[in-house]
């Protein structure tokens, strides 16, 4: 069963700022997350980001939260490794 993908405003801004080839790669990854929100390469975050997961795409990260009871994935942030974890 496919999950619905929702983007926060910060995630939308991060997605809009990506170069075209990387945008397409992120889009493919988001569609894959809709089918499987816990892929092999996903990692649960700790500390102040507890409850969030991340998928790595080279130097970029997709930070997201899975709401399994509602079948929703909320993408919190998309950005470079250094900037994705900042608030």
PDB file of N, CA and C in Angstrom:
ATOM      1  N   UNK A   1       0.843  -1.179   0.000  1.00  0.00           N
ATOM      2  CA  UNK A   1       0.000   0.000   0.000  1.00  0.00           C
ATOM      3  C   UNK A   1       0.890   1.246   0.000  1.00  0.00           C
ATOM      4  N   UNK A   2       0.619   2.177  -0.868  1.00  0.00           N
ATOM      5  CA  UNK A   2       1.457   3.362  -1.027  1.00  0.00           C
ATOM      6  C   UNK A   2       1.125   4.430   0.008  1.00  0.00           C
ATOM      7  N   UNK A   3       2.166   5.066   0.480  1.00  0.00           N
ATOM      8  CA  UNK A   3       2.032   6.180   1.415  1.00  0.00           C
ATOM      9  C   UNK A   3       1.861   7.471   0.628  1.00  0.00           C
ATOM     10  N   UNK A   4       1.232   8.443   1.246  1.00  0.00           N
ATOM     11  CA  UNK A   4       1.113   9.774   0.654  1.00  0.00           C
ATOM     12  C   UNK A   4       2.330  10.587   1.081  1.00  0.00           C
ATOM     13  N   UNK A   5       2.917  11.341   0.176  1.00  0.00           N
ATOM     14  CA  UNK A   5       4.090  12.170   0.467  1.00  0.00           C
ATOM     15  C   UNK A   5       3.635  13.614   0.638  1.00  0.00           C
ATOM     16  N   UNK A   6       3.975  14.207   1.792  1.00  0.00           N
ATOM     17  CA  UNK A   6       3.704  15.622   2.049  1.00  0.00           C
ATOM     18  C   UNK A   6       5.031  16.328   2.270  1.00  0.00           C
ATOM     19  N   UNK A   7       5.186  17.518   1.699  1.00  0.00           N
ATOM     20  CA  UNK A   7       6.414  18.299   1.855  1.00  0.00           C
ATOM     21  C   UNK A   7       6.148  19.512   2.737  1.00  0.00           C
ATOM     22  N   UNK A   8       7.046  19.760   3.680  1.00  0.00           N
ATOM     23  CA  UNK A   8       6.964  21.001   4.443  1.00  0.00           C
ATOM     24  C   UNK A   8       7.456  22.134   3.554  1.00  0.00           C
ATOM     25  N   UNK A   9       7.261  23.357   4.006  1.00  0.00           N
ATOM     26  CA  UNK A   9       7.724  24.526   3.236  1.00  0.00           C
ATOM     27  C   UNK A   9       9.244  24.471   3.054  1.00  0.00           C
ATOM     28  N   UNK A  10       9.960  24.074   4.100  1.00  0.00           N
ATOM     29  CA  UNK A  10      11.424  23.984   4.007  1.00  0.00           C
ATOM     30  C   UNK A  10      11.842  22.924   2.992  1.00  0.00           C
ATOM     31  N   UNK A  11      11.124  21.816   2.942  1.00  0.00           N
ATOM     32  CA  UNK A  11      11.440  20.760   1.972  1.00  0.00           C
ATOM     33  C   UNK A  11      11.155  21.234   0.555  1.00  0.00           C
ATOM     34  N   UNK A  12      10.066  21.970   0.364  1.00  0.00           N
ATOM     35  CA  UNK A  12       9.758  22.512  -0.960  1.00  0.00           C
ATOM     36  C   UNK A  12      10.848  23.463  -1.436  1.00  0.00           C
ATOM     37  N   UNK A  13      11.321  24.326  -0.524  1.00  0.00           N
ATOM     38  CA  UNK A  13      12.397  25.259  -0.890  1.00  0.00           C
ATOM     39  C   UNK A  13      13.667  24.506  -1.257  1.00  0.00           C
ATOM     40  N   UNK A  14      13.994  23.476  -0.476  1.00  0.00           N
ATOM     41  CA  UNK A  14      15.176  22.671  -0.764  1.00  0.00           C
ATOM     42  C   UNK A  14      15.067  21.961  -2.100  1.00  0.00           C
ATOM     43  N   UNK A  15      13.888  21.472  -2.415  1.00  0.00           N
ATOM     44  CA  UNK A  15      13.661  20.779  -3.679  1.00  0.00           C
ATOM     45  C   UNK A  15      13.765  21.743  -4.856  1.00  0.00           C
ATOM     46  N   UNK A  16      13.216  22.936  -4.701  1.00  0.00           N
ATOM     47  CA  UNK A  16      13.274  23.940  -5.770  1.00  0.00           C
ATOM     48  C   UNK A  16      14.696  24.413  -6.048  1.00  0.00           C
ATOM     49  N   UNK A  17      15.561  24.353  -5.043  1.00  0.00           N
ATOM     50  CA  UNK A  17      16.925  24.851  -5.194  1.00  0.00           C
ATOM     51  C   UNK A  17      17.865  23.836  -5.846  1.00  0.00           C
ATOM     52  N   UNK A  18      17.413  22.615  -6.045  1.00  0.00           N
ATOM     53  CA  UNK A  18      18.280  21.572  -6.592  1.00  0.00           C
ATOM     54  C   UNK A  18      18.468  21.727  -8.091  1.00  0.00           C
ATOM     55  N   UNK A  19      19.663  21.365  -8.591  1.00  0.00           N
ATOM     56  CA  UNK A  19      19.858  21.325 -10.043  1.00  0.00           C
ATOM     57  C   UNK A  19      18.990  20.208 -10.644  1.00  0.00           C
ATOM     58  N   UNK A  20      18.639  20.345 -11.896  1.00  0.00           N
ATOM     59  CA  UNK A  20      17.682  19.439 -12.553  1.00  0.00           C
ATOM     60  C   UNK A  20      18.014  17.943 -12.396  1.00  0.00           C
ATOM     61  N   UNK A  21      19.254  17.498 -12.655  1.00  0.00           N
ATOM     62  CA  UNK A  21      19.529  16.053 -12.529  1.00  0.00           C
ATOM     63  C   UNK A  21      19.315  15.543 -11.096  1.00  0.00           C
ATOM     64  N   UNK A  22      19.704  16.350 -10.131  1.00  0.00           N
ATOM     65  CA  UNK A  22      19.523  15.950  -8.739  1.00  0.00           C
ATOM     66  C   UNK A  22      18.050  16.004  -8.347  1.00  0.00           C
ATOM     67  N   UNK A  23      17.325  16.970  -8.886  1.00  0.00           N
ATOM     68  CA  UNK A  23      15.877  17.059  -8.643  1.00  0.00           C
ATOM     69  C   UNK A  23      15.183  15.775  -9.080  1.00  0.00           C
ATOM     70  N   UNK A  24      15.542  15.266 -10.260  1.00  0.00           N
ATOM     71  CA  UNK A  24      14.940  14.038 -10.772  1.00  0.00           C
ATOM     72  C   UNK A  24      15.303  12.840  -9.899  1.00  0.00           C
ATOM     73  N   UNK A  25      16.529  12.819  -9.414  1.00  0.00           N
ATOM     74  CA  UNK A  25      16.969  11.726  -8.528  1.00  0.00           C
ATOM     75  C   UNK A  25      16.202  11.744  -7.207  1.00  0.00           C
ATOM     76  N   UNK A  26      16.006  12.944  -6.647  1.00  0.00           N
ATOM     77  CA  UNK A  26      15.253  13.088  -5.397  1.00  0.00           C
ATOM     78  C   UNK A  26      13.795  12.702  -5.619  1.00  0.00           C
ATOM     79  N   UNK A  27      13.249  13.104  -6.747  1.00  0.00           N
ATOM     80  CA  UNK A  27      11.864  12.767  -7.067  1.00  0.00           C
ATOM     81  C   UNK A  27      11.672  11.254  -7.140  1.00  0.00           C
ATOM     82  N   UNK A  28      12.614  10.559  -7.787  1.00  0.00           N
ATOM     83  CA  UNK A  28      12.561   9.090  -7.860  1.00  0.00           C
ATOM     84  C   UNK A  28      12.627   8.471  -6.470  1.00  0.00           C
ATOM     85  N   UNK A  29      13.481   9.027  -5.621  1.00  0.00           N
ATOM     86  CA  UNK A  29      13.631   8.510  -4.254  1.00  0.00           C
ATOM     87  C   UNK A  29      12.354   8.730  -3.451  1.00  0.00           C
ATOM     88  N   UNK A  30      11.706   9.876  -3.629  1.00  0.00           N
ATOM     89  CA  UNK A  30      10.448  10.142  -2.926  1.00  0.00           C
ATOM     90  C   UNK A  30       9.358   9.174  -3.369  1.00  0.00           C
ATOM     91  N   UNK A  31       9.306   8.869  -4.652  1.00  0.00           N
ATOM     92  CA  UNK A  31       8.325   7.894  -5.139  1.00  0.00           C
ATOM     93  C   UNK A  31       8.620   6.495  -4.586  1.00  0.00           C
ATOM     94  N   UNK A  32       9.898   6.172  -4.452  1.00  0.00           N
ATOM     95  CA  UNK A  32      10.274   4.880  -3.859  1.00  0.00           C
ATOM     96  C   UNK A  32       9.901   4.839  -2.377  1.00  0.00           C
ATOM     97  N   UNK A  33      10.063   5.976  -1.676  1.00  0.00           N
ATOM     98  CA  UNK A  33       9.682   6.038  -0.261  1.00  0.00           C
ATOM     99  C   UNK A  33       8.183   5.832  -0.080  1.00  0.00           C
ATOM    100  N   UNK A  34       7.391   6.267  -1.039  1.00  0.00           N
ATOM    101  CA  UNK A  34       5.940   6.079  -0.959  1.00  0.00           C
ATOM    102  C   UNK A  34       5.590   4.597  -0.955  1.00  0.00           C
ATOM    103  N   UNK A  35       6.388   3.795  -1.628  1.00  0.00           N
ATOM    104  CA  UNK A  35       6.163   2.349  -1.654  1.00  0.00           C
ATOM    105  C   UNK A  35       6.782   1.645  -0.448  1.00  0.00           C
ATOM    106  N   UNK A  36       7.952   2.108  -0.022  1.00  0.00           N
ATOM    107  CA  UNK A  36       8.653   1.496   1.112  1.00  0.00           C
ATOM    108  C   UNK A  36       9.301   2.604   1.941  1.00  0.00           C
ATOM    109  N   UNK A  37       8.663   3.041   3.041  1.00  0.00           N
ATOM    110  CA  UNK A  37       9.198   4.159   3.812  1.00  0.00           C
ATOM    111  C   UNK A  37      10.459   3.818   4.622  1.00  0.00           C
ATOM    112  N   UNK A  38      10.811   2.556   4.700  1.00  0.00           N
ATOM    113  CA  UNK A  38      12.006   2.149   5.437  1.00  0.00           C
ATOM    114  C   UNK A  38      12.940   1.352   4.540  1.00  0.00           C
ATOM    115  N   UNK A  39      13.541   1.998   3.517  1.00  0.00           N
ATOM    116  CA  UNK A  39      14.458   1.253   2.642  1.00  0.00           C
ATOM    117  C   UNK A  39      15.710   0.837   3.422  1.00  0.00           C
ATOM    118  N   UNK A  40      16.476  -0.028   2.818  1.00  0.00           N
ATOM    119  CA  UNK A  40      17.672  -0.568   3.470  1.00  0.00           C
ATOM    120  C   UNK A  40      18.643   0.537   3.872  1.00  0.00           C
ATOM    121  N   UNK A  41      18.780   1.581   3.054  1.00  0.00           N
ATOM    122  CA  UNK A  41      19.753   2.630   3.327  1.00  0.00           C
ATOM    123  C   UNK A  41      19.200   3.778   4.178  1.00  0.00           C
ATOM    124  N   UNK A  42      18.000   3.640   4.735  1.00  0.00           N
ATOM    125  CA  UNK A  42      17.472   4.704   5.597  1.00  0.00           C
ATOM    126  C   UNK A  42      18.058   4.546   6.999  1.00  0.00           C
ATOM    127  N   UNK A  43      18.129   5.653   7.713  1.00  0.00           N
ATOM    128  CA  UNK A  43      18.706   5.636   9.055  1.00  0.00           C
ATOM    129  C   UNK A  43      17.807   6.443   9.984  1.00  0.00           C
ATOM    130  N   UNK A  44      17.519   5.873  11.150  1.00  0.00           N
ATOM    131  CA  UNK A  44      16.749   6.599  12.156  1.00  0.00           C
ATOM    132  C   UNK A  44      17.677   7.609  12.825  1.00  0.00           C
ATOM    133  N   UNK A  45      17.207   8.828  13.008  1.00  0.00           N
ATOM    134  CA  UNK A  45      18.025   9.875  13.605  1.00  0.00           C
ATOM    135  C   UNK A  45      17.858   9.885  15.119  1.00  0.00           C
ATOM    136  N   UNK A  46      18.834  10.459  15.797  1.00  0.00           N
ATOM    137  CA  UNK A  46      18.851  10.507  17.260  1.00  0.00           C
ATOM    138  C   UNK A  46      18.863  11.952  17.728  1.00  0.00           C
ATOM    139  N   UNK A  47      18.833  12.122  19.035  1.00  0.00           N
ATOM    140  CA  UNK A  47      18.949  13.447  19.626  1.00  0.00           C
ATOM    141  C   UNK A  47      17.725  14.289  19.368  1.00  0.00           C
ATOM    142  N   UNK A  48      17.946  15.555  18.982  1.00  0.00           N
ATOM    143  CA  UNK A  48      16.822  16.466  18.776  1.00  0.00           C
ATOM    144  C   UNK A  48      15.990  16.093  17.549  1.00  0.00           C
ATOM    145  N   UNK A  49      16.498  15.202  16.715  1.00  0.00           N
ATOM    146  CA  UNK A  49      15.774  14.756  15.519  1.00  0.00           C
ATOM    147  C   UNK A  49      15.148  13.377  15.722  1.00  0.00           C
ATOM    148  N   UNK A  50      14.992  12.980  16.966  1.00  0.00           N
ATOM    149  CA  UNK A  50      14.435  11.662  17.254  1.00  0.00           C
ATOM    150  C   UNK A  50      13.043  11.537  16.635  1.00  0.00           C
ATOM    151  N   UNK A  51      12.759  10.395  16.052  1.00  0.00           N
ATOM    152  CA  UNK A  51      11.486  10.171  15.380  1.00  0.00           C
ATOM    153  C   UNK A  51      11.547  10.432  13.885  1.00  0.00           C
ATOM    154  N   UNK A  52      12.670  10.987  13.427  1.00  0.00           N
ATOM    155  CA  UNK A  52      12.850  11.265  12.001  1.00  0.00           C
ATOM    156  C   UNK A  52      13.787  10.230  11.390  1.00  0.00           C
ATOM    157  N   UNK A  53      13.725  10.096  10.084  1.00  0.00           N
ATOM    158  CA  UNK A  53      14.610   9.210   9.341  1.00  0.00           C
ATOM    159  C   UNK A  53      15.277  10.012   8.240  1.00  0.00           C
ATOM    160  N   UNK A  54      16.366   9.456   7.712  1.00  0.00           N
ATOM    161  CA  UNK A  54      17.030  10.126   6.606  1.00  0.00           C
ATOM    162  C   UNK A  54      17.468   9.112   5.575  1.00  0.00           C
ATOM    163  N   UNK A  55      17.435   9.576   4.329  1.00  0.00           N
ATOM    164  CA  UNK A  55      17.965   8.817   3.205  1.00  0.00           C
ATOM    165  C   UNK A  55      19.048   9.671   2.589  1.00  0.00           C
ATOM    166  N   UNK A  56      20.148   9.046   2.276  1.00  0.00           N
ATOM    167  CA  UNK A  56      21.299   9.757   1.728  1.00  0.00           C
ATOM    168  C   UNK A  56      21.340   9.610   0.213  1.00  0.00           C
ATOM    169  N   UNK A  57      21.552  10.729  -0.469  1.00  0.00           N
ATOM    170  CA  UNK A  57      21.748  10.746  -1.921  1.00  0.00           C
ATOM    171  C   UNK A  57      23.030  11.520  -2.193  1.00  0.00           C
ATOM    172  N   UNK A  58      24.150  10.862  -2.119  1.00  0.00           N
ATOM    173  CA  UNK A  58      25.434  11.543  -2.282  1.00  0.00           C
ATOM    174  C   UNK A  58      25.647  12.525  -1.149  1.00  0.00           C
ATOM    175  N   UNK A  59      25.822  13.810  -1.476  1.00  0.00           N
ATOM    176  CA  UNK A  59      26.024  14.842  -0.462  1.00  0.00           C
ATOM    177  C   UNK A  59      24.708  15.419   0.049  1.00  0.00           C
ATOM    178  N   UNK A  60      23.595  14.948  -0.464  1.00  0.00           N
ATOM    179  CA  UNK A  60      22.282  15.473  -0.072  1.00  0.00           C
ATOM    180  C   UNK A  60      21.550  14.486   0.828  1.00  0.00           C
ATOM    181  N   UNK A  61      20.647  15.035   1.638  1.00  0.00           N
ATOM    182  CA  UNK A  61      19.861  14.220   2.561  1.00  0.00           C
ATOM    183  C   UNK A  61      18.379  14.554   2.409  1.00  0.00           C
ATOM    184  N   UNK A  62      17.553  13.521   2.547  1.00  0.00           N
ATOM    185  CA  UNK A  62      16.108  13.696   2.645  1.00  0.00           C
ATOM    186  C   UNK A  62      15.744  13.306   4.071  1.00  0.00           C
ATOM    187  N   UNK A  63      15.272  14.278   4.845  1.00  0.00           N
ATOM    188  CA  UNK A  63      14.879  14.045   6.230  1.00  0.00           C
ATOM    189  C   UNK A  63      13.352  13.939   6.250  1.00  0.00           C
ATOM    190  N   UNK A  64      12.827  12.861   6.846  1.00  0.00           N
ATOM    191  CA  UNK A  64      11.383  12.667   6.811  1.00  0.00           C
ATOM    192  C   UNK A  64      10.870  11.962   8.058  1.00  0.00           C
ATOM    193  N   UNK A  65       9.566  12.082   8.254  1.00  0.00           N
ATOM    194  CA  UNK A  65       8.875  11.442   9.368  1.00  0.00           C
ATOM    195  C   UNK A  65       7.801  10.532   8.779  1.00  0.00           C
ATOM    196  N   UNK A  66       7.680   9.332   9.328  1.00  0.00           N
ATOM    197  CA  UNK A  66       6.678   8.384   8.863  1.00  0.00           C
ATOM    198  C   UNK A  66       5.533   8.349   9.866  1.00  0.00           C
ATOM    199  N   UNK A  67       4.333   8.591   9.377  1.00  0.00           N
ATOM    200  CA  UNK A  67       3.128   8.472  10.199  1.00  0.00           C
ATOM    201  C   UNK A  67       2.388   7.240   9.684  1.00  0.00           C
ATOM    202  N   UNK A  68       2.749   6.088  10.249  1.00  0.00           N
ATOM    203  CA  UNK A  68       2.287   4.800   9.726  1.00  0.00           C
ATOM    204  C   UNK A  68       0.784   4.609   9.866  1.00  0.00           C
ATOM    205  N   UNK A  69       0.190   5.111  10.926  1.00  0.00           N
ATOM    206  CA  UNK A  69      -1.247   4.911  11.120  1.00  0.00           C
ATOM    207  C   UNK A  69      -2.064   5.662  10.077  1.00  0.00           C
ATOM    208  N   UNK A  70      -1.520   6.764   9.566  1.00  0.00           N
ATOM    209  CA  UNK A  70      -2.224   7.576   8.568  1.00  0.00           C
ATOM    210  C   UNK A  70      -1.717   7.318   7.150  1.00  0.00           C
ATOM    211  N   UNK A  71      -0.697   6.467   7.015  1.00  0.00           N
ATOM    212  CA  UNK A  71      -0.052   6.187   5.725  1.00  0.00           C
ATOM    213  C   UNK A  71       0.431   7.470   5.058  1.00  0.00           C
ATOM    214  N   UNK A  72       1.166   8.273   5.848  1.00  0.00           N
ATOM    215  CA  UNK A  72       1.680   9.555   5.371  1.00  0.00           C
ATOM    216  C   UNK A  72       3.169   9.633   5.675  1.00  0.00           C
ATOM    217  N   UNK A  73       3.929  10.170   4.731  1.00  0.00           N
ATOM    218  CA  UNK A  73       5.338  10.498   4.944  1.00  0.00           C
ATOM    219  C   UNK A  73       5.451  12.009   4.825  1.00  0.00           C
ATOM    220  N   UNK A  74       5.939  12.652   5.890  1.00  0.00           N
ATOM    221  CA  UNK A  74       6.129  14.095   5.897  1.00  0.00           C
ATOM    222  C   UNK A  74       7.616  14.366   5.683  1.00  0.00           C
ATOM    223  N   UNK A  75       7.953  14.932   4.540  1.00  0.00           N
ATOM    224  CA  UNK A  75       9.342  15.277   4.247  1.00  0.00           C
ATOM    225  C   UNK A  75       9.616  16.614   4.913  1.00  0.00           C
ATOM    226  N   UNK A  76      10.527  16.600   5.889  1.00  0.00           N
ATOM    227  CA  UNK A  76      10.813  17.779   6.697  1.00  0.00           C
ATOM    228  C   UNK A  76      11.800  18.694   6.003  1.00  0.00           C
ATOM    229  N   UNK A  77      12.859  18.103   5.425  1.00  0.00           N
ATOM    230  CA  UNK A  77      13.897  18.936   4.815  1.00  0.00           C
ATOM    231  C   UNK A  77      14.639  18.149   3.747  1.00  0.00           C
ATOM    232  N   UNK A  78      15.071  18.846   2.719  1.00  0.00           N
ATOM    233  CA  UNK A  78      15.922  18.292   1.668  1.00  0.00           C
ATOM    234  C   UNK A  78      17.068  19.271   1.502  1.00  0.00           C
ATOM    235  N   UNK A  79      18.286  18.783   1.648  1.00  0.00           N
ATOM    236  CA  UNK A  79      19.418  19.691   1.507  1.00  0.00           C
ATOM    237  C   UNK A  79      20.746  18.981   1.602  1.00  0.00           C
ATOM    238  N   UNK A  80      21.805  19.780   1.582  1.00  0.00           N
ATOM    239  CA  UNK A  80      23.146  19.220   1.696  1.00  0.00           C
ATOM    240  C   UNK A  80      23.355  18.656   3.086  1.00  0.00           C
ATOM    241  N   UNK A  81      24.365  17.846   3.215  1.00  0.00           N
ATOM    242  CA  UNK A  81      24.639  17.191   4.486  1.00  0.00           C
ATOM    243  C   UNK A  81      24.798  18.198   5.615  1.00  0.00           C
ATOM    244  N   UNK A  82      25.491  19.279   5.359  1.00  0.00           N
ATOM    245  CA  UNK A  82      25.732  20.274   6.392  1.00  0.00           C
ATOM    246  C   UNK A  82      24.492  21.082   6.765  1.00  0.00           C
ATOM    247  N   UNK A  83      23.613  21.319   5.793  1.00  0.00           N
ATOM    248  CA  UNK A  83      22.462  22.170   6.049  1.00  0.00           C
ATOM    249  C   UNK A  83      21.175  21.438   6.392  1.00  0.00           C
ATOM    250  N   UNK A  84      21.090  20.161   6.084  1.00  0.00           N
ATOM    251  CA  UNK A  84      19.832  19.426   6.261  1.00  0.00           C
ATOM    252  C   UNK A  84      19.468  19.239   7.721  1.00  0.00           C
ATOM    253  N   UNK A  85      20.454  19.196   8.597  1.00  0.00           N
ATOM    254  CA  UNK A  85      20.172  18.921  10.004  1.00  0.00           C
ATOM    255  C   UNK A  85      19.963  20.193  10.824  1.00  0.00           C
ATOM    256  N   UNK A  86      20.203  21.352  10.214  1.00  0.00           N
ATOM    257  CA  UNK A  86      19.986  22.628  10.927  1.00  0.00           C
ATOM    258  C   UNK A  86      18.513  22.969  10.911  1.00  0.00           C
ATOM    259  N   UNK A  87      18.095  23.678  11.932  1.00  0.00           N
ATOM    260  CA  UNK A  87      16.678  24.067  12.042  1.00  0.00           C
ATOM    261  C   UNK A  87      16.407  25.351  11.338  1.00  0.00           C
TER     262      UNK A  87
END
